[in-house]
Amino acid sequence: MKVGVVLNPIAGGGRLKRHWPEVAASLKKHFGDFELRETQAEGDAERLALDLAASGFDLVIAAGGDGTASEVADGLLQASMESGRTTELGLLPCGTGIDFARGLGLPREVDAMLKRIAGAKARKVDAGRICYIDDHGALASRHFINIASLGLSGATDRAVNADKRKGKVSAKALFFWRTVVEFVRYRFQDVRITVDDGAPVEARMALVAVANGKFFGGGMMIAPDAELDDGQFDIVILRAAGKLKLIWDLRLLYGGRHRNHPAITILRGKKVVVEPLGDVEKNGALVDIDGESPGRIPATFEILSGALTLRC
């Protein structure tokens, strides 16, 4: 097996990079020779993964957080569409957000994780594709593997990624604190949500999550019934309500105990279109794509059933 590793050297405060000799020894033990590529800027993981896949690598391991894993998956999916050849994705989770790995129940210890990847049977899982408006006003698109969302989550992503404590404190504590702070500042936005060919749902919302996986936001189980291989999204709509009560009720998300909350609607479908109602500037909610916020709505989300091959 030809193995490549895409490493984000600053993920988790640089933890993997600091312990790279031990990580490399474990990789050598379980896989033999491998090729290492390091990211230097946002978007590098996508480009590096695409290059590795095009060069005939059989397995690419994303070493970093959710953002790194998502970019690597995006590159592998692009390569697969271009060539028809499958390159498997492995995960070595380390970062501020490791929600995708959390949903898979992966071990945190490096050698145990690499041993698991080496002995695992590859399986097909779904991926998502989102089209949105980027920060320059242009139409953009990319793949995602876990959850894409809009509203409060987009604002929280930007706050977390700009926080100097990122990588120095626990992800759960940082995400929860920044979520509460951004929620206090947040102005509810009016959107129209259309799922498949169903009747549009208009809502003044705090958050809409289009979920392939279960967790986001540093451990919030936003979509407790989501499955990676069922061919559809779980769409969670958190409607506007009293802010103090909603802040208190955020705790329910960590245990997935919000299914019957009066402010929450959960739908399922393969395609989701979310548009701002009325004033586009006022209601053009920020999007979140696997922990990064590169733009805003209007946005279209589509499921790609069985598009990604995961080894973990």
Protein backbone atom coordinates (compact mmCIF):
# COMPACT_ATOMS: atom_id res chain seq x y z
CA MET A 1 0.00 0.00 0.00
CA LYS A 2 1.28 3.41 -1.00
CA VAL A 3 0.65 5.74 1.95
CA GLY A 4 0.75 9.52 2.16
CA VAL A 5 0.31 11.72 5.24
CA VAL A 6 -0.96 15.30 5.14
CA LEU A 7 0.10 16.98 8.40
CA ASN A 8 -1.19 20.27 9.73
CA PRO A 9 1.84 21.30 11.84
CA ILE A 10 -0.13 23.76 14.00
CA ALA A 11 -3.11 21.49 14.78
CA GLY A 12 -3.72 21.02 18.47
CA GLY A 13 -1.17 23.69 19.31
CA GLY A 14 1.47 21.81 17.30
CA ARG A 15 1.17 18.63 19.35
CA LEU A 16 1.75 16.14 16.50
CA LYS A 17 4.62 18.20 15.11
CA ARG A 18 6.35 18.35 18.49
CA HIS A 19 6.14 14.57 18.82
CA TRP A 20 6.81 13.82 15.18
CA PRO A 21 9.72 11.38 15.72
CA GLU A 22 7.43 9.10 17.76
CA VAL A 23 4.55 9.55 15.28
CA ALA A 24 6.83 8.76 12.33
CA ALA A 25 8.14 5.64 14.08
CA SER A 26 4.57 4.43 14.63
CA LEU A 27 3.70 5.11 10.99
CA LYS A 28 6.77 3.18 9.87
CA LYS A 29 5.85 0.27 12.14
CA HIS A 30 2.30 -0.07 10.81
CA PHE A 31 2.69 0.99 7.17
CA GLY A 32 6.35 0.83 6.20
CA ASP A 33 7.47 3.68 3.97
CA PHE A 34 5.21 6.71 3.69
CA GLU A 35 5.37 10.17 2.17
CA LEU A 36 4.84 13.24 4.35
CA ARG A 37 3.37 16.52 3.13
CA GLU A 38 2.92 19.50 5.48
CA THR A 39 0.40 22.30 5.12
CA GLN A 40 1.47 25.93 5.36
CA ALA A 41 -1.82 27.75 4.74
CA GLU A 42 -5.55 27.25 4.48
CA GLY A 43 -6.43 25.15 1.43
CA ASP A 44 -3.06 23.37 1.30
CA ALA A 45 -4.47 20.06 2.62
CA GLU A 46 -6.95 19.90 -0.27
CA ARG A 47 -4.23 20.56 -2.85
CA LEU A 48 -1.76 18.13 -1.29
CA ALA A 49 -4.36 15.34 -1.03
CA LEU A 50 -5.39 15.89 -4.65
CA ASP A 51 -1.74 15.62 -5.72
CA LEU A 52 -1.15 12.45 -3.68
CA ALA A 53 -4.27 10.80 -5.08
CA ALA A 54 -3.30 11.78 -8.63
CA SER A 55 0.16 10.31 -8.00
CA GLY A 56 -1.32 6.88 -7.27
CA PHE A 57 -1.34 6.78 -3.48
CA ASP A 58 -3.74 4.19 -2.04
CA LEU A 59 -4.25 5.76 1.38
CA VAL A 60 -3.94 9.37 2.56
CA ILE A 61 -3.95 10.00 6.30
CA ALA A 62 -5.17 13.42 7.46
CA ALA A 63 -3.15 14.38 10.55
CA GLY A 64 -4.90 17.33 12.20
CA GLY A 65 -8.34 18.55 13.17
CA ASP A 66 -11.68 18.55 11.41
CA GLY A 67 -10.59 21.28 9.02
CA THR A 68 -7.60 19.23 7.85
CA ALA A 69 -9.69 16.07 7.49
CA SER A 70 -12.33 17.95 5.54
CA GLU A 71 -9.82 19.52 3.15
CA VAL A 72 -8.10 16.17 2.56
CA ALA A 73 -11.45 14.52 1.87
CA ASP A 74 -12.29 17.35 -0.54
CA GLY A 75 -9.05 16.72 -2.44
CA LEU A 76 -9.62 12.96 -2.59
CA LEU A 77 -13.20 13.41 -3.81
CA GLN A 78 -12.04 15.81 -6.53
CA ALA A 79 -9.38 13.32 -7.62
CA SER A 80 -11.90 10.47 -7.70
CA MET A 81 -14.29 12.48 -9.90
CA GLU A 82 -11.46 13.35 -12.28
CA SER A 83 -9.89 9.89 -12.57
CA GLY A 84 -12.46 7.40 -11.31
CA ARG A 85 -9.78 5.95 -9.03
CA THR A 86 -10.40 5.51 -5.31
CA THR A 87 -7.93 6.73 -2.67
CA GLU A 88 -8.83 5.82 0.90
CA LEU A 89 -8.96 8.36 3.74
CA GLY A 90 -7.46 7.67 7.17
CA LEU A 91 -7.64 9.96 10.19
CA LEU A 92 -5.04 10.85 12.79
CA PRO A 93 -7.13 13.33 14.80
CA CYS A 94 -5.45 16.19 16.60
CA GLY A 95 -6.85 19.70 16.73
CA THR A 96 -9.27 22.17 18.24
CA GLY A 97 -12.19 20.37 16.61
CA ILE A 98 -12.12 16.58 16.19
CA ASP A 99 -15.87 16.08 15.99
CA PHE A 100 -15.81 13.81 12.96
CA ALA A 101 -13.39 11.46 14.73
CA ARG A 102 -15.53 11.70 17.89
CA GLY A 103 -18.53 10.46 15.95
CA LEU A 104 -16.52 7.46 14.74
CA GLY A 105 -15.40 6.58 18.27
CA LEU A 106 -11.72 6.71 17.33
CA PRO A 107 -8.96 6.29 19.93
CA ARG A 108 -6.96 9.37 20.91
CA GLU A 109 -3.59 7.66 21.34
CA VAL A 110 -1.49 7.85 18.16
CA ASP A 111 -0.18 4.28 17.98
CA ALA A 112 -3.60 2.83 18.74
CA MET A 113 -5.15 4.96 16.00
CA LEU A 114 -2.54 3.99 13.40
CA LYS A 115 -2.85 0.32 14.34
CA ARG A 116 -6.60 0.62 13.85
CA ILE A 117 -6.20 2.21 10.42
CA ALA A 118 -3.71 -0.47 9.33
CA GLY A 119 -6.04 -3.30 10.34
CA ALA A 120 -9.34 -1.74 9.29
CA LYS A 121 -11.49 -2.75 6.36
CA ALA A 122 -12.27 0.21 4.13
CA ARG A 123 -15.92 1.24 3.89
CA LYS A 124 -17.96 3.58 1.76
CA VAL A 125 -19.50 6.60 3.52
CA ASP A 126 -21.49 9.59 2.34
CA ALA A 127 -20.06 13.05 1.81
CA GLY A 128 -21.72 16.41 1.23
CA ARG A 129 -21.23 19.17 -1.29
CA ILE A 130 -22.10 22.78 -0.53
CA CYS A 131 -22.39 25.72 -2.91
CA TYR A 132 -22.31 29.12 -1.17
CA ILE A 133 -21.21 32.74 -1.55
CA ASP A 134 -17.62 33.35 -0.46
CA ASP A 135 -16.33 36.41 1.39
CA HIS A 136 -15.53 38.12 -1.93
CA GLY A 137 -19.11 37.74 -3.18
CA ALA A 138 -18.29 34.94 -5.64
CA LEU A 139 -20.05 31.59 -5.98
CA ALA A 140 -17.93 28.85 -4.41
CA SER A 141 -18.30 25.14 -3.70
CA ARG A 142 -16.55 22.40 -1.77
CA HIS A 143 -17.11 19.00 -0.20
CA PHE A 144 -17.63 18.28 3.47
CA ILE A 145 -17.62 15.06 5.46
CA ASN A 146 -19.19 15.91 8.81
CA ILE A 147 -21.53 18.91 9.16
CA ALA A 148 -22.14 22.10 7.25
CA SER A 149 -24.34 24.69 8.92
CA LEU A 150 -25.23 28.36 9.06
CA GLY A 151 -26.06 31.09 11.54
CA LEU A 152 -24.58 31.04 15.02
CA SER A 153 -22.13 28.26 14.09
CA GLY A 154 -20.48 30.37 11.37
CA ALA A 155 -19.98 33.28 13.75
CA THR A 156 -18.65 30.91 16.42
CA ASP A 157 -16.16 29.33 13.99
CA ARG A 158 -14.68 32.71 13.17
CA ALA A 159 -14.42 33.60 16.86
CA VAL A 160 -12.82 30.27 17.79
CA ASN A 161 -10.31 30.39 14.94
CA ALA A 162 -9.31 33.93 15.92
CA ASP A 163 -9.05 33.14 19.65
CA LYS A 164 -5.45 33.17 20.92
CA ARG A 165 -6.31 30.36 23.33
CA LYS A 166 -6.98 27.95 20.47
CA GLY A 167 -4.88 24.83 20.98
CA LYS A 168 -4.06 25.83 24.58
CA VAL A 169 -7.39 25.05 26.26
CA SER A 170 -9.85 22.21 25.75
CA ALA A 171 -11.87 22.37 22.55
CA LYS A 172 -15.11 21.75 24.42
CA ALA A 173 -14.52 24.67 26.82
CA LEU A 174 -13.39 27.02 24.05
CA PHE A 175 -16.29 26.20 21.73
CA PHE A 176 -18.85 26.45 24.53
CA TRP A 177 -17.53 29.80 25.74
CA ARG A 178 -17.32 31.30 22.25
CA THR A 179 -20.80 29.92 21.42
CA VAL A 180 -22.30 31.64 24.46
CA VAL A 181 -20.48 34.93 23.73
CA GLU A 182 -21.46 34.93 20.05
CA PHE A 183 -25.03 33.96 20.92
CA VAL A 184 -25.37 37.00 23.17
CA ARG A 185 -24.25 39.16 20.23
CA TYR A 186 -26.19 37.23 17.61
CA ARG A 187 -29.14 38.75 15.80
CA PHE A 188 -31.61 36.10 14.67
CA GLN A 189 -31.92 35.84 10.89
CA ASP A 190 -34.85 35.04 8.61
CA VAL A 191 -34.33 32.23 6.11
CA ARG A 192 -36.23 29.91 3.78
CA ILE A 193 -35.28 26.22 3.95
CA THR A 194 -36.30 23.78 1.21
CA VAL A 195 -35.61 20.06 1.67
CA ASP A 196 -35.80 17.95 -1.51
CA ASP A 197 -39.15 18.70 -3.18
CA GLY A 198 -40.94 19.55 0.06
CA ALA A 199 -42.76 22.75 0.89
CA PRO A 200 -40.36 25.54 1.93
CA VAL A 201 -39.99 26.20 5.66
CA GLU A 202 -39.58 29.84 6.67
CA ALA A 203 -37.92 30.42 10.02
CA ARG A 204 -36.32 33.08 12.16
CA MET A 205 -33.41 30.95 13.19
CA ALA A 206 -30.31 30.84 15.34
CA LEU A 207 -28.81 27.82 13.58
CA VAL A 208 -29.45 25.37 10.75
CA ALA A 209 -27.20 22.28 10.70
CA VAL A 210 -27.04 19.99 7.65
CA ALA A 211 -25.53 16.90 9.19
CA ASN A 212 -23.80 13.84 7.79
CA GLY A 213 -22.14 13.09 11.17
CA LYS A 214 -23.43 13.50 14.71
CA PHE A 215 -21.10 15.99 16.45
CA PHE A 216 -19.89 19.52 15.92
CA GLY A 217 -18.81 22.54 17.95
CA GLY A 218 -16.31 20.71 20.15
CA GLY A 219 -18.61 17.88 21.24
CA MET A 220 -22.21 19.01 20.70
CA MET A 221 -24.29 16.04 19.51
CA ILE A 222 -26.36 18.22 17.21
CA ALA A 223 -27.66 15.30 15.08
CA PRO A 224 -27.97 12.28 17.38
CA ASP A 225 -29.61 10.06 14.74
CA ALA A 226 -27.31 10.90 11.82
CA GLU A 227 -25.53 8.03 10.05
CA LEU A 228 -22.60 8.34 7.66
CA ASP A 229 -23.90 5.75 5.21
CA ASP A 230 -27.69 6.23 5.04
CA GLY A 231 -27.69 8.40 1.92
CA GLN A 232 -29.32 11.45 3.49
CA PHE A 233 -28.75 14.43 5.75
CA ASP A 234 -30.28 15.15 9.13
CA ILE A 235 -31.31 18.81 9.05
CA VAL A 236 -31.56 20.46 12.48
CA ILE A 237 -33.27 23.86 12.69
CA LEU A 238 -32.86 25.85 15.92
CA ARG A 239 -35.48 28.58 15.83
CA ALA A 240 -35.34 31.96 17.52
CA ALA A 241 -36.53 31.99 21.13
CA GLY A 242 -35.64 33.73 24.38
CA LYS A 243 -31.85 34.00 24.43
CA LEU A 244 -31.39 33.27 28.13
CA LYS A 245 -33.40 30.07 27.90
CA LEU A 246 -31.66 28.98 24.71
CA ILE A 247 -28.22 29.56 26.27
CA TRP A 248 -29.28 27.39 29.19
CA ASP A 249 -30.67 24.75 26.83
CA LEU A 250 -27.42 24.54 24.85
CA ARG A 251 -26.31 21.99 27.43
CA LEU A 252 -28.89 19.57 25.99
CA LEU A 253 -26.94 19.44 22.73
CA TYR A 254 -23.92 17.76 24.34
CA GLY A 255 -25.98 14.68 25.19
CA GLY A 256 -28.23 14.77 22.13
CA ARG A 257 -31.25 15.40 24.39
CA HIS A 258 -32.84 18.13 22.28
CA ARG A 259 -35.03 16.09 19.89
CA ASN A 260 -38.29 17.27 21.48
CA HIS A 261 -37.22 20.82 22.31
CA PRO A 262 -39.98 23.23 21.24
CA ALA A 263 -37.52 25.49 19.38
CA ILE A 264 -35.99 22.65 17.34
CA THR A 265 -37.21 20.99 14.14
CA ILE A 266 -35.40 17.97 12.65
CA LEU A 267 -35.91 16.99 9.01
CA ARG A 268 -34.23 14.50 6.67
CA GLY A 269 -33.36 14.74 3.01
CA LYS A 270 -30.80 14.55 0.21
CA LYS A 271 -30.79 18.17 -0.95
CA VAL A 272 -31.21 21.35 1.10
CA VAL A 273 -31.49 24.92 -0.17
CA VAL A 274 -31.25 27.79 2.33
CA GLU A 275 -31.93 31.36 1.22
CA PRO A 276 -32.08 34.65 3.10
CA LEU A 277 -35.52 36.21 3.33
CA GLY A 278 -36.00 39.93 2.71
CA ASP A 279 -32.81 41.94 3.12
CA VAL A 280 -29.98 39.74 1.79
CA GLU A 281 -27.26 41.63 3.68
CA LYS A 282 -29.16 41.46 6.94
CA ASN A 283 -30.13 37.79 6.64
CA GLY A 284 -27.13 36.43 4.73
CA ALA A 285 -26.10 34.06 7.52
CA LEU A 286 -22.47 32.90 7.76
CA VAL A 287 -21.86 29.26 6.85
CA ASP A 288 -19.78 26.71 8.75
CA ILE A 289 -18.14 23.89 6.79
CA ASP A 290 -16.50 21.28 9.05
CA GLY A 291 -15.31 23.96 11.47
CA GLU A 292 -14.36 26.66 8.97
CA SER A 293 -16.43 29.67 7.89
CA PRO A 294 -15.53 30.76 4.33
CA GLY A 295 -18.72 32.57 3.32
CA ARG A 296 -22.50 32.90 3.63
CA ILE A 297 -25.89 31.93 2.25
CA PRO A 298 -27.66 31.46 -0.10
CA ALA A 299 -26.35 27.90 -0.05
CA THR A 300 -27.26 24.52 -1.52
CA PHE A 301 -26.27 21.27 0.22
CA GLU A 302 -26.30 17.93 -1.65
CA ILE A 303 -25.58 14.42 -0.36
CA LEU A 304 -23.07 12.28 -2.29
CA SER A 305 -24.06 8.78 -1.30
CA GLY A 306 -21.12 6.40 -0.74
CA ALA A 307 -18.71 8.83 -2.41
CA LEU A 308 -15.85 8.60 0.11
CA THR A 309 -13.84 5.53 1.10
CA LEU A 310 -12.90 5.64 4.77
CA ARG A 311 -10.37 3.41 6.50
CA CYS A 312 -10.61 3.64 10.28
